[in-house]
Amino acid sequence: MLGQRTIPSASPRVAVGVPADLLRRRPDIRRAERDIAAQSEQIGIATAELYPHFSISGNIFFDAANFKDLFTGDSLAGKRGADLQLEHLELRPAGQ
């Protein structure tokens, strides 16, 4: 046996503070807050997917039949395009 010991007494001064500070220090509460923030972000991403996506792209290049004509002003060419993307729409009559 380790022998008899006295029961330690509590400090007469108890740390007093705002209860929210105690909650901020708890690791389980901090993890729950991060999980809620991640789920909220997923909701925002899903909401953004409901809207159409529109993009414009293009490129500029040199195009010539002969190498000596490659870097002249007439060999400069380009392409441009636009893209509109809609997610799958499920249309049903009201009330179904």
Protein backbone atom coordinates (compact mmCIF):
# COMPACT_ATOMS: atom_id res chain seq x y z
CA MET A 1 0.00 0.00 0.00
CA LEU A 2 1.01 3.54 -0.50
CA GLY A 3 0.04 4.54 2.95
CA GLN A 4 -2.51 6.93 4.21
CA ARG A 5 -2.70 10.39 2.83
CA THR A 6 -4.91 13.32 3.53
CA ILE A 7 -7.54 14.43 1.11
CA PRO A 8 -6.34 17.57 -0.64
CA SER A 9 -8.43 20.62 0.00
CA ALA A 10 -9.81 22.79 -2.75
CA SER A 11 -8.50 26.26 -3.25
CA PRO A 12 -10.66 28.86 -1.56
CA ARG A 13 -10.58 30.92 -4.75
CA VAL A 14 -12.72 29.49 -7.50
CA ALA A 15 -12.03 30.70 -11.01
CA VAL A 16 -15.02 32.71 -12.09
CA GLY A 17 -15.62 33.67 -15.65
CA VAL A 18 -18.12 33.79 -18.41
CA PRO A 19 -19.58 30.31 -19.07
CA ALA A 20 -19.09 30.86 -22.81
CA ASP A 21 -15.32 30.98 -22.21
CA LEU A 22 -15.47 27.52 -20.68
CA LEU A 23 -17.40 26.24 -23.70
CA ARG A 24 -14.88 27.78 -26.12
CA ARG A 25 -12.07 25.84 -24.46
CA ARG A 26 -13.79 22.45 -24.63
CA PRO A 27 -12.41 20.36 -27.53
CA ASP A 28 -15.70 18.56 -28.14
CA ILE A 29 -17.54 21.88 -28.52
CA ARG A 30 -14.81 23.25 -30.82
CA ARG A 31 -15.05 20.15 -33.01
CA ALA A 32 -18.84 20.41 -33.15
CA GLU A 33 -18.52 24.04 -34.26
CA ARG A 34 -16.13 23.02 -37.06
CA ASP A 35 -18.52 20.25 -38.13
CA ILE A 36 -21.41 22.70 -38.26
CA ALA A 37 -19.34 25.14 -40.32
CA ALA A 38 -18.42 22.36 -42.77
CA GLN A 39 -22.05 21.31 -43.16
CA SER A 40 -23.07 24.93 -43.68
CA GLU A 41 -20.47 25.19 -46.44
CA GLN A 42 -21.89 22.08 -48.11
CA ILE A 43 -25.36 23.66 -48.05
CA GLY A 44 -23.93 26.76 -49.74
CA ILE A 45 -22.28 24.65 -52.43
CA ALA A 46 -25.50 22.73 -53.06
CA THR A 47 -27.43 25.99 -53.32
CA ALA A 48 -24.93 27.38 -55.83
CA GLU A 49 -25.40 24.27 -57.98
CA LEU A 50 -29.05 25.22 -58.46
CA TYR A 51 -28.03 28.22 -60.56
CA PRO A 52 -26.75 28.02 -64.15
CA HIS A 53 -23.01 28.18 -64.79
CA PHE A 54 -21.80 30.46 -67.56
CA SER A 55 -18.24 30.67 -68.79
CA ILE A 56 -16.43 32.45 -71.60
CA SER A 57 -13.15 31.17 -72.92
CA GLY A 58 -10.81 31.85 -75.79
CA ASN A 59 -7.30 31.47 -77.07
CA ILE A 60 -4.93 33.23 -79.42
CA PHE A 61 -2.41 31.39 -81.58
CA PHE A 62 -0.24 31.65 -84.67
CA ASP A 63 -1.27 29.62 -87.73
CA ALA A 64 0.66 29.57 -91.00
CA ALA A 65 1.26 27.15 -93.86
CA ASN A 66 4.99 28.05 -94.06
CA PHE A 67 7.34 28.49 -91.13
CA LYS A 68 8.68 31.79 -92.47
CA ASP A 69 5.14 33.23 -92.36
CA LEU A 70 4.47 31.97 -88.83
CA PHE A 71 5.14 35.20 -86.90
CA THR A 72 3.62 37.70 -89.31
CA GLY A 73 0.48 39.64 -88.57
CA ASP A 74 -1.55 37.53 -90.99
CA SER A 75 -0.79 34.31 -89.09
CA LEU A 76 -2.34 35.53 -85.83
CA ALA A 77 -5.62 33.72 -85.20
CA GLY A 78 -7.92 33.05 -82.31
CA LYS A 79 -11.00 31.25 -81.12
CA ARG A 80 -13.61 32.18 -78.61
CA GLY A 81 -16.55 30.41 -77.13
CA ALA A 82 -19.17 30.47 -74.44
CA ASP A 83 -20.61 27.72 -72.33
CA LEU A 84 -23.89 27.61 -70.44
CA GLN A 85 -24.37 24.69 -68.10
CA LEU A 86 -27.66 23.85 -66.42
CA GLU A 87 -28.11 21.10 -63.90
CA HIS A 88 -30.79 18.48 -64.43
CA LEU A 89 -34.20 20.05 -64.00
CA GLU A 90 -37.06 17.92 -62.78
CA LEU A 91 -40.30 19.62 -63.78
CA ARG A 92 -43.54 18.29 -62.34
CA PRO A 93 -47.03 19.69 -62.21
CA ALA A 94 -47.83 21.45 -58.95
CA GLY A 95 -49.28 19.24 -56.24
CA GLN A 96 -47.36 16.07 -57.08
